[in-house]
């Protein structure tokens, strides 16, 4: 019988031999998820016997990982701001950059927003996180993809938050005004899709491609957002890491009182924050 430590070493070597990046980290994640243990527990109790009834599942997971399927899709789960969300091929996998979008947005709010719109919600991780962090706010989540909204609704039910879900191509089916509009919209250039990793290519193209230049959808959001924002309201966007200056040109100085370009934890241009004039 093999110990957890032995299995961890074997998986790491298999993944490494197959050319899987960060093989050790991936092996640890696989074992932690299968055994329901933390990384600390896995490493501290490596002498424990690996349960034989888990071997078949383990082999299947490793094979899928080698074939290029993301672990988040294999296990149907991803963590976002320390909360567990259901994900599958209908939605993008939440990423740390988007966690930072929420943290930066909340730090810039002048008051708790009464009405929040999460545009292009996908799995719902942004809107649901804000609903949990701002329980007095009314949150609307919209997406052009009906399948994505099914996932978002499932996550809202899991986290026990009430959210207004609307199927909409950007603002087409939306009404009313919001104190905050936040979005992680598609922003990858069409030509760049072929350069993405095998795993990223498995995520929905509808949620990835932002047009030929990668900024077309972002431009539409910026142009239409003033109609749906209250005076003094804020627009918070995640953008492509080389598109900051271009995106800033989409803002009209007659409508917006201020717009800010900020960097992510890796030092890359990633976020735009803009405020509607109060007068």
Foldseek 3Di string as FASTA:
>chain_A
DAFLLVQLVVQLVVCVVLVNPPSSVVSLVLCCVLVVHDSVCSVVRRRHHDDPVCVVVSVVLSVVVSVQADSCQVSQWDAAPNDIAGDHQQFDHDDPQVSVLLVVVVVPDPDQKQEEEEEQCQLVRNQLVSCVVRVNHAYEYEHLDPVSVVNNVVRCVVSVGDHHYDNDDGCPPPDAAILEYEYAAAQDAPVCLVVDDSHNVSHDPRRHHCYNRSCVSVLVCQVPRLVRYAAFGKYKYWYDQVCVVVSVVSHDVVFWVDKDFDAGPVRTTTMIMITGHND
